[in-house]
Amino acid sequence: MLTTKVRDMIEQRLQKAAQLLRTSELSIKEITDAVGYEHHSSFTRAFKHRFGLSPRFYRLQSYSAATSMSDISINESDHQ
């Protein structure tokens, strides 16, 4: 059974990883290392359990959402 302290630490690591996936061009391996996971497979499993997507698909979805939002902003400014 995980203690609250350990769960909080894991959550912090995964939130930082999610931020890096959305905002950086670091490789997933670099992010794995940056947030303190020793093994890529452990990181991927924990990330997928928390967010419902692998780190790779989370990043792709983030890029897709960012692109859609910038398209909306561009289209709105065209109509003003």
PDB file of N, CA and C in Angstrom:
ATOM      1  N   MET A   1       0.847  -1.184   0.000  1.00  0.00           N
ATOM      2  CA  MET A   1       0.000   0.000   0.000  1.00  0.00           C
ATOM      3  C   MET A   1       0.891   1.245   0.000  1.00  0.00           C
ATOM      4  N   LEU A   2       0.624   2.147  -0.905  1.00  0.00           N
ATOM      5  CA  LEU A   2       1.417   3.372  -0.998  1.00  0.00           C
ATOM      6  C   LEU A   2       0.955   4.389   0.035  1.00  0.00           C
ATOM      7  N   THR A   3       1.912   5.051   0.642  1.00  0.00           N
ATOM      8  CA  THR A   3       1.574   6.103   1.586  1.00  0.00           C
ATOM      9  C   THR A   3       1.175   7.359   0.816  1.00  0.00           C
ATOM     10  N   THR A   4       0.508   8.256   1.511  1.00  0.00           N
ATOM     11  CA  THR A   4       0.096   9.509   0.894  1.00  0.00           C
ATOM     12  C   THR A   4       1.308  10.279   0.380  1.00  0.00           C
ATOM     13  N   LYS A   5       2.383  10.253   1.140  1.00  0.00           N
ATOM     14  CA  LYS A   5       3.596  10.972   0.751  1.00  0.00           C
ATOM     15  C   LYS A   5       4.163  10.427  -0.564  1.00  0.00           C
ATOM     16  N   VAL A   6       4.183   9.116  -0.705  1.00  0.00           N
ATOM     17  CA  VAL A   6       4.697   8.495  -1.934  1.00  0.00           C
ATOM     18  C   VAL A   6       3.760   8.795  -3.094  1.00  0.00           C
ATOM     19  N   ARG A   7       2.450   8.707  -2.873  1.00  0.00           N
ATOM     20  CA  ARG A   7       1.493   9.028  -3.938  1.00  0.00           C
ATOM     21  C   ARG A   7       1.633  10.476  -4.392  1.00  0.00           C
ATOM     22  N   ASP A   8       1.827  11.378  -3.439  1.00  0.00           N
ATOM     23  CA  ASP A   8       2.017  12.791  -3.787  1.00  0.00           C
ATOM     24  C   ASP A   8       3.279  12.991  -4.605  1.00  0.00           C
ATOM     25  N   MET A   9       4.351  12.292  -4.248  1.00  0.00           N
ATOM     26  CA  MET A   9       5.611  12.400  -4.986  1.00  0.00           C
ATOM     27  C   MET A   9       5.437  11.895  -6.421  1.00  0.00           C
ATOM     28  N   ILE A  10       4.756  10.777  -6.575  1.00  0.00           N
ATOM     29  CA  ILE A  10       4.504  10.215  -7.900  1.00  0.00           C
ATOM     30  C   ILE A  10       3.650  11.188  -8.720  1.00  0.00           C
ATOM     31  N   GLU A  11       2.624  11.754  -8.107  1.00  0.00           N
ATOM     32  CA  GLU A  11       1.757  12.711  -8.801  1.00  0.00           C
ATOM     33  C   GLU A  11       2.554  13.928  -9.258  1.00  0.00           C
ATOM     34  N   GLN A  12       3.427  14.435  -8.410  1.00  0.00           N
ATOM     35  CA  GLN A  12       4.263  15.582  -8.785  1.00  0.00           C
ATOM     36  C   GLN A  12       5.142  15.245  -9.985  1.00  0.00           C
ATOM     37  N   ARG A  13       5.757  14.077  -9.960  1.00  0.00           N
ATOM     38  CA  ARG A  13       6.614  13.659 -11.075  1.00  0.00           C
ATOM     39  C   ARG A  13       5.817  13.570 -12.370  1.00  0.00           C
ATOM     40  N   LEU A  14       4.633  12.980 -12.294  1.00  0.00           N
ATOM     41  CA  LEU A  14       3.831  12.793 -13.496  1.00  0.00           C
ATOM     42  C   LEU A  14       3.280  14.125 -14.014  1.00  0.00           C
ATOM     43  N   GLN A  15       2.922  15.033 -13.117  1.00  0.00           N
ATOM     44  CA  GLN A  15       2.462  16.356 -13.544  1.00  0.00           C
ATOM     45  C   GLN A  15       3.599  17.117 -14.228  1.00  0.00           C
ATOM     46  N   LYS A  16       4.804  17.016 -13.679  1.00  0.00           N
ATOM     47  CA  LYS A  16       5.963  17.666 -14.301  1.00  0.00           C
ATOM     48  C   LYS A  16       6.217  17.058 -15.676  1.00  0.00           C
ATOM     49  N   ALA A  17       6.126  15.742 -15.775  1.00  0.00           N
ATOM     50  CA  ALA A  17       6.319  15.070 -17.059  1.00  0.00           C
ATOM     51  C   ALA A  17       5.280  15.549 -18.075  1.00  0.00           C
ATOM     52  N   ALA A  18       4.027  15.657 -17.648  1.00  0.00           N
ATOM     53  CA  ALA A  18       2.967  16.122 -18.546  1.00  0.00           C
ATOM     54  C   ALA A  18       3.270  17.540 -19.033  1.00  0.00           C
ATOM     55  N   GLN A  19       3.730  18.392 -18.121  1.00  0.00           N
ATOM     56  CA  GLN A  19       4.085  19.761 -18.507  1.00  0.00           C
ATOM     57  C   GLN A  19       5.212  19.757 -19.537  1.00  0.00           C
ATOM     58  N   LEU A  20       6.240  18.952 -19.290  1.00  0.00           N
ATOM     59  CA  LEU A  20       7.365  18.878 -20.221  1.00  0.00           C
ATOM     60  C   LEU A  20       6.936  18.333 -21.582  1.00  0.00           C
ATOM     61  N   LEU A  21       6.028  17.377 -21.572  1.00  0.00           N
ATOM     62  CA  LEU A  21       5.539  16.830 -22.836  1.00  0.00           C
ATOM     63  C   LEU A  21       4.780  17.886 -23.635  1.00  0.00           C
ATOM     64  N   ARG A  22       4.052  18.756 -22.939  1.00  0.00           N
ATOM     65  CA  ARG A  22       3.279  19.805 -23.615  1.00  0.00           C
ATOM     66  C   ARG A  22       4.142  20.970 -24.068  1.00  0.00           C
ATOM     67  N   THR A  23       5.203  21.272 -23.334  1.00  0.00           N
ATOM     68  CA  THR A  23       5.891  22.544 -23.550  1.00  0.00           C
ATOM     69  C   THR A  23       7.339  22.446 -24.003  1.00  0.00           C
ATOM     70  N   SER A  24       7.896  21.249 -24.054  1.00  0.00           N
ATOM     71  CA  SER A  24       9.310  21.139 -24.428  1.00  0.00           C
ATOM     72  C   SER A  24       9.471  20.218 -25.627  1.00  0.00           C
ATOM     73  N   GLU A  25      10.661  20.236 -26.154  1.00  0.00           N
ATOM     74  CA  GLU A  25      10.994  19.322 -27.238  1.00  0.00           C
ATOM     75  C   GLU A  25      11.922  18.210 -26.741  1.00  0.00           C
ATOM     76  N   LEU A  26      12.020  18.061 -25.414  1.00  0.00           N
ATOM     77  CA  LEU A  26      12.827  16.970 -24.855  1.00  0.00           C
ATOM     78  C   LEU A  26      12.252  15.633 -25.320  1.00  0.00           C
ATOM     79  N   SER A  27      13.136  14.674 -25.509  1.00  0.00           N
ATOM     80  CA  SER A  27      12.662  13.334 -25.861  1.00  0.00           C
ATOM     81  C   SER A  27      11.964  12.719 -24.644  1.00  0.00           C
ATOM     82  N   ILE A  28      11.171  11.714 -24.884  1.00  0.00           N
ATOM     83  CA  ILE A  28      10.486  11.045 -23.777  1.00  0.00           C
ATOM     84  C   ILE A  28      11.520  10.412 -22.839  1.00  0.00           C
ATOM     85  N   LYS A  29      12.601   9.914 -23.374  1.00  0.00           N
ATOM     86  CA  LYS A  29      13.677   9.370 -22.536  1.00  0.00           C
ATOM     87  C   LYS A  29      14.260  10.459 -21.638  1.00  0.00           C
ATOM     88  N   GLU A  30      14.486  11.643 -22.198  1.00  0.00           N
ATOM     89  CA  GLU A  30      15.016  12.754 -21.401  1.00  0.00           C
ATOM     90  C   GLU A  30      14.030  13.165 -20.310  1.00  0.00           C
ATOM     91  N   ILE A  31      12.756  13.158 -20.628  1.00  0.00           N
ATOM     92  CA  ILE A  31      11.733  13.490 -19.639  1.00  0.00           C
ATOM     93  C   ILE A  31      11.683  12.410 -18.560  1.00  0.00           C
ATOM     94  N   THR A  32      11.772  11.162 -18.972  1.00  0.00           N
ATOM     95  CA  THR A  32      11.810  10.051 -18.008  1.00  0.00           C
ATOM     96  C   THR A  32      12.909  10.296 -16.984  1.00  0.00           C
ATOM     97  N   ASP A  33      14.093  10.622 -17.461  1.00  0.00           N
ATOM     98  CA  ASP A  33      15.226  10.890 -16.576  1.00  0.00           C
ATOM     99  C   ASP A  33      14.993  12.148 -15.732  1.00  0.00           C
ATOM    100  N   ALA A  34      14.459  13.187 -16.351  1.00  0.00           N
ATOM    101  CA  ALA A  34      14.284  14.473 -15.673  1.00  0.00           C
ATOM    102  C   ALA A  34      13.328  14.390 -14.491  1.00  0.00           C
ATOM    103  N   VAL A  35      12.335  13.521 -14.582  1.00  0.00           N
ATOM    104  CA  VAL A  35      11.366  13.413 -13.492  1.00  0.00           C
ATOM    105  C   VAL A  35      11.690  12.283 -12.519  1.00  0.00           C
ATOM    106  N   GLY A  36      12.848  11.660 -12.710  1.00  0.00           N
ATOM    107  CA  GLY A  36      13.331  10.730 -11.701  1.00  0.00           C
ATOM    108  C   GLY A  36      12.974   9.265 -11.870  1.00  0.00           C
ATOM    109  N   TYR A  37      12.548   8.886 -13.058  1.00  0.00           N
ATOM    110  CA  TYR A  37      12.297   7.469 -13.298  1.00  0.00           C
ATOM    111  C   TYR A  37      13.555   6.834 -13.859  1.00  0.00           C
ATOM    112  N   GLU A  38      13.877   5.679 -13.328  1.00  0.00           N
ATOM    113  CA  GLU A  38      15.078   4.977 -13.771  1.00  0.00           C
ATOM    114  C   GLU A  38      14.824   4.202 -15.060  1.00  0.00           C
ATOM    115  N   HIS A  39      13.602   3.704 -15.207  1.00  0.00           N
ATOM    116  CA  HIS A  39      13.275   2.858 -16.361  1.00  0.00           C
ATOM    117  C   HIS A  39      12.123   3.466 -17.162  1.00  0.00           C
ATOM    118  N   HIS A  40      12.328   3.534 -18.463  1.00  0.00           N
ATOM    119  CA  HIS A  40      11.317   4.072 -19.374  1.00  0.00           C
ATOM    120  C   HIS A  40       9.995   3.322 -19.233  1.00  0.00           C
ATOM    121  N   SER A  41      10.057   2.012 -19.100  1.00  0.00           N
ATOM    122  CA  SER A  41       8.827   1.210 -19.021  1.00  0.00           C
ATOM    123  C   SER A  41       8.030   1.543 -17.756  1.00  0.00           C
ATOM    124  N   SER A  42       8.702   1.769 -16.654  1.00  0.00           N
ATOM    125  CA  SER A  42       8.014   2.138 -15.405  1.00  0.00           C
ATOM    126  C   SER A  42       7.337   3.501 -15.548  1.00  0.00           C
ATOM    127  N   PHE A  43       8.051   4.434 -16.162  1.00  0.00           N
ATOM    128  CA  PHE A  43       7.492   5.757 -16.385  1.00  0.00           C
ATOM    129  C   PHE A  43       6.268   5.672 -17.295  1.00  0.00           C
ATOM    130  N   THR A  44       6.398   4.984 -18.407  1.00  0.00           N
ATOM    131  CA  THR A  44       5.293   4.874 -19.360  1.00  0.00           C
ATOM    132  C   THR A  44       4.075   4.237 -18.710  1.00  0.00           C
ATOM    133  N   ARG A  45       4.269   3.192 -17.940  1.00  0.00           N
ATOM    134  CA  ARG A  45       3.166   2.504 -17.269  1.00  0.00           C
ATOM    135  C   ARG A  45       2.469   3.450 -16.273  1.00  0.00           C
ATOM    136  N   ALA A  46       3.259   4.154 -15.453  1.00  0.00           N
ATOM    137  CA  ALA A  46       2.684   5.078 -14.470  1.00  0.00           C
ATOM    138  C   ALA A  46       1.966   6.233 -15.160  1.00  0.00           C
ATOM    139  N   PHE A  47       2.561   6.767 -16.218  1.00  0.00           N
ATOM    140  CA  PHE A  47       1.963   7.888 -16.945  1.00  0.00           C
ATOM    141  C   PHE A  47       0.633   7.468 -17.568  1.00  0.00           C
ATOM    142  N   LYS A  48       0.623   6.311 -18.197  1.00  0.00           N
ATOM    143  CA  LYS A  48      -0.602   5.837 -18.848  1.00  0.00           C
ATOM    144  C   LYS A  48      -1.693   5.564 -17.815  1.00  0.00           C
ATOM    145  N   HIS A  49      -1.294   5.033 -16.670  1.00  0.00           N
ATOM    146  CA  HIS A  49      -2.260   4.777 -15.595  1.00  0.00           C
ATOM    147  C   HIS A  49      -2.879   6.093 -15.118  1.00  0.00           C
ATOM    148  N   ARG A  50      -2.073   7.145 -15.008  1.00  0.00           N
ATOM    149  CA  ARG A  50      -2.546   8.441 -14.494  1.00  0.00           C
ATOM    150  C   ARG A  50      -3.346   9.230 -15.520  1.00  0.00           C
ATOM    151  N   PHE A  51      -2.879   9.264 -16.764  1.00  0.00           N
ATOM    152  CA  PHE A  51      -3.483  10.140 -17.772  1.00  0.00           C
ATOM    153  C   PHE A  51      -4.311   9.407 -18.826  1.00  0.00           C
ATOM    154  N   GLY A  52      -4.240   8.093 -18.866  1.00  0.00           N
ATOM    155  CA  GLY A  52      -5.030   7.327 -19.820  1.00  0.00           C
ATOM    156  C   GLY A  52      -4.438   7.256 -21.215  1.00  0.00           C
ATOM    157  N   LEU A  53      -3.254   7.847 -21.389  1.00  0.00           N
ATOM    158  CA  LEU A  53      -2.556   7.834 -22.675  1.00  0.00           C
ATOM    159  C   LEU A  53      -1.081   7.599 -22.421  1.00  0.00           C
ATOM    160  N   SER A  54      -0.418   6.987 -23.387  1.00  0.00           N
ATOM    161  CA  SER A  54       1.036   6.879 -23.292  1.00  0.00           C
ATOM    162  C   SER A  54       1.627   8.274 -23.408  1.00  0.00           C
ATOM    163  N   PRO A  55       2.851   8.483 -22.916  1.00  0.00           N
ATOM    164  CA  PRO A  55       3.479   9.801 -23.068  1.00  0.00           C
ATOM    165  C   PRO A  55       3.513  10.273 -24.519  1.00  0.00           C
ATOM    166  N   ARG A  56       3.778   9.372 -25.432  1.00  0.00           N
ATOM    167  CA  ARG A  56       3.835   9.737 -26.857  1.00  0.00           C
ATOM    168  C   ARG A  56       2.498  10.274 -27.355  1.00  0.00           C
ATOM    169  N   PHE A  57       1.415   9.560 -27.057  1.00  0.00           N
ATOM    170  CA  PHE A  57       0.105  10.003 -27.528  1.00  0.00           C
ATOM    171  C   PHE A  57      -0.376  11.237 -26.768  1.00  0.00           C
ATOM    172  N   TYR A  58       0.012  11.375 -25.508  1.00  0.00           N
ATOM    173  CA  TYR A  58      -0.305  12.583 -24.757  1.00  0.00           C
ATOM    174  C   TYR A  58       0.326  13.799 -25.439  1.00  0.00           C
ATOM    175  N   ARG A  59       1.589  13.666 -25.828  1.00  0.00           N
ATOM    176  CA  ARG A  59       2.283  14.759 -26.528  1.00  0.00           C
ATOM    177  C   ARG A  59       1.601  15.059 -27.854  1.00  0.00           C
ATOM    178  N   LEU A  60       1.279  14.027 -28.630  1.00  0.00           N
ATOM    179  CA  LEU A  60       0.612  14.240 -29.916  1.00  0.00           C
ATOM    180  C   LEU A  60      -0.735  14.928 -29.731  1.00  0.00           C
ATOM    181  N   GLN A  61      -1.478  14.516 -28.725  1.00  0.00           N
ATOM    182  CA  GLN A  61      -2.772  15.133 -28.451  1.00  0.00           C
ATOM    183  C   GLN A  61      -2.583  16.599 -28.039  1.00  0.00           C
ATOM    184  N   SER A  62      -1.557  16.875 -27.265  1.00  0.00           N
ATOM    185  CA  SER A  62      -1.278  18.253 -26.842  1.00  0.00           C
ATOM    186  C   SER A  62      -0.928  19.126 -28.038  1.00  0.00           C
ATOM    187  N   TYR A  63      -0.101  18.595 -28.952  1.00  0.00           N
ATOM    188  CA  TYR A  63       0.238  19.339 -30.164  1.00  0.00           C
ATOM    189  C   TYR A  63      -0.993  19.599 -31.007  1.00  0.00           C
ATOM    190  N   SER A  64      -1.831  18.593 -31.108  1.00  0.00           N
ATOM    191  CA  SER A  64      -3.047  18.709 -31.901  1.00  0.00           C
ATOM    192  C   SER A  64      -3.969  19.766 -31.309  1.00  0.00           C
ATOM    193  N   ALA A  65      -4.126  19.763 -29.998  1.00  0.00           N
ATOM    194  CA  ALA A  65      -4.983  20.745 -29.334  1.00  0.00           C
ATOM    195  C   ALA A  65      -4.405  22.146 -29.491  1.00  0.00           C
ATOM    196  N   ALA A  66      -3.096  22.287 -29.370  1.00  0.00           N
ATOM    197  CA  ALA A  66      -2.451  23.597 -29.505  1.00  0.00           C
ATOM    198  C   ALA A  66      -2.621  24.124 -30.930  1.00  0.00           C
ATOM    199  N   THR A  67      -2.494  23.252 -31.896  1.00  0.00           N
ATOM    200  CA  THR A  67      -2.664  23.644 -33.288  1.00  0.00           C
ATOM    201  C   THR A  67      -4.103  24.090 -33.534  1.00  0.00           C
ATOM    202  N   SER A  68      -5.054  23.359 -33.004  1.00  0.00           N
ATOM    203  CA  SER A  68      -6.458  23.719 -33.176  1.00  0.00           C
ATOM    204  C   SER A  68      -6.747  25.065 -32.551  1.00  0.00           C
ATOM    205  N   MET A  69      -6.192  25.321 -31.367  1.00  0.00           N
ATOM    206  CA  MET A  69      -6.415  26.595 -30.683  1.00  0.00           C
ATOM    207  C   MET A  69      -5.783  27.747 -31.460  1.00  0.00           C
ATOM    208  N   SER A  70      -4.604  27.540 -32.027  1.00  0.00           N
ATOM    209  CA  SER A  70      -3.981  28.627 -32.782  1.00  0.00           C
ATOM    210  C   SER A  70      -4.758  28.893 -34.062  1.00  0.00           C
ATOM    211  N   ASP A  71      -5.340  27.858 -34.658  1.00  0.00           N
ATOM    212  CA  ASP A  71      -6.181  28.047 -35.840  1.00  0.00           C
ATOM    213  C   ASP A  71      -7.405  28.880 -35.486  1.00  0.00           C
ATOM    214  N   ILE A  72      -7.993  28.620 -34.331  1.00  0.00           N
ATOM    215  CA  ILE A  72      -9.168  29.377 -33.886  1.00  0.00           C
ATOM    216  C   ILE A  72      -8.781  30.832 -33.670  1.00  0.00           C
ATOM    217  N   SER A  73      -7.648  31.066 -33.007  1.00  0.00           N
ATOM    218  CA  SER A  73      -7.206  32.437 -32.737  1.00  0.00           C
ATOM    219  C   SER A  73      -6.943  33.190 -34.033  1.00  0.00           C
ATOM    220  N   ILE A  74      -6.322  32.538 -34.983  1.00  0.00           N
ATOM    221  CA  ILE A  74      -6.046  33.170 -36.274  1.00  0.00           C
ATOM    222  C   ILE A  74      -7.349  33.501 -36.972  1.00  0.00           C
ATOM    223  N   ASN A  75      -8.291  32.564 -36.980  1.00  0.00           N
ATOM    224  CA  ASN A  75      -9.564  32.792 -37.649  1.00  0.00           C
ATOM    225  C   ASN A  75     -10.351  33.914 -36.982  1.00  0.00           C
ATOM    226  N   GLU A  76     -10.321  34.009 -35.653  1.00  0.00           N
ATOM    227  CA  GLU A  76     -11.030  35.060 -34.954  1.00  0.00           C
ATOM    228  C   GLU A  76     -10.438  36.417 -35.281  1.00  0.00           C
ATOM    229  N   SER A  77      -9.119  36.512 -35.375  1.00  0.00           N
ATOM    230  CA  SER A  77      -8.491  37.808 -35.662  1.00  0.00           C
ATOM    231  C   SER A  77      -8.755  38.236 -37.104  1.00  0.00           C
ATOM    232  N   ASP A  78      -9.005  37.288 -37.987  1.00  0.00           N
ATOM    233  CA  ASP A  78      -9.328  37.623 -39.377  1.00  0.00           C
ATOM    234  C   ASP A  78     -10.688  38.314 -39.488  1.00  0.00           C
ATOM    235  N   HIS A  79     -11.573  38.032 -38.539  1.00  0.00           N
ATOM    236  CA  HIS A  79     -12.926  38.546 -38.631  1.00  0.00           C
ATOM    237  C   HIS A  79     -13.113  39.827 -37.832  1.00  0.00           C
ATOM    238  N   GLN A  80     -12.078  40.397 -37.314  1.00  0.00           N
ATOM    239  CA  GLN A  80     -12.219  41.624 -36.516  1.00  0.00           C
ATOM    240  C   GLN A  80     -11.855  42.833 -37.316  1.00  0.00           C
TER     241      GLN A  80
END
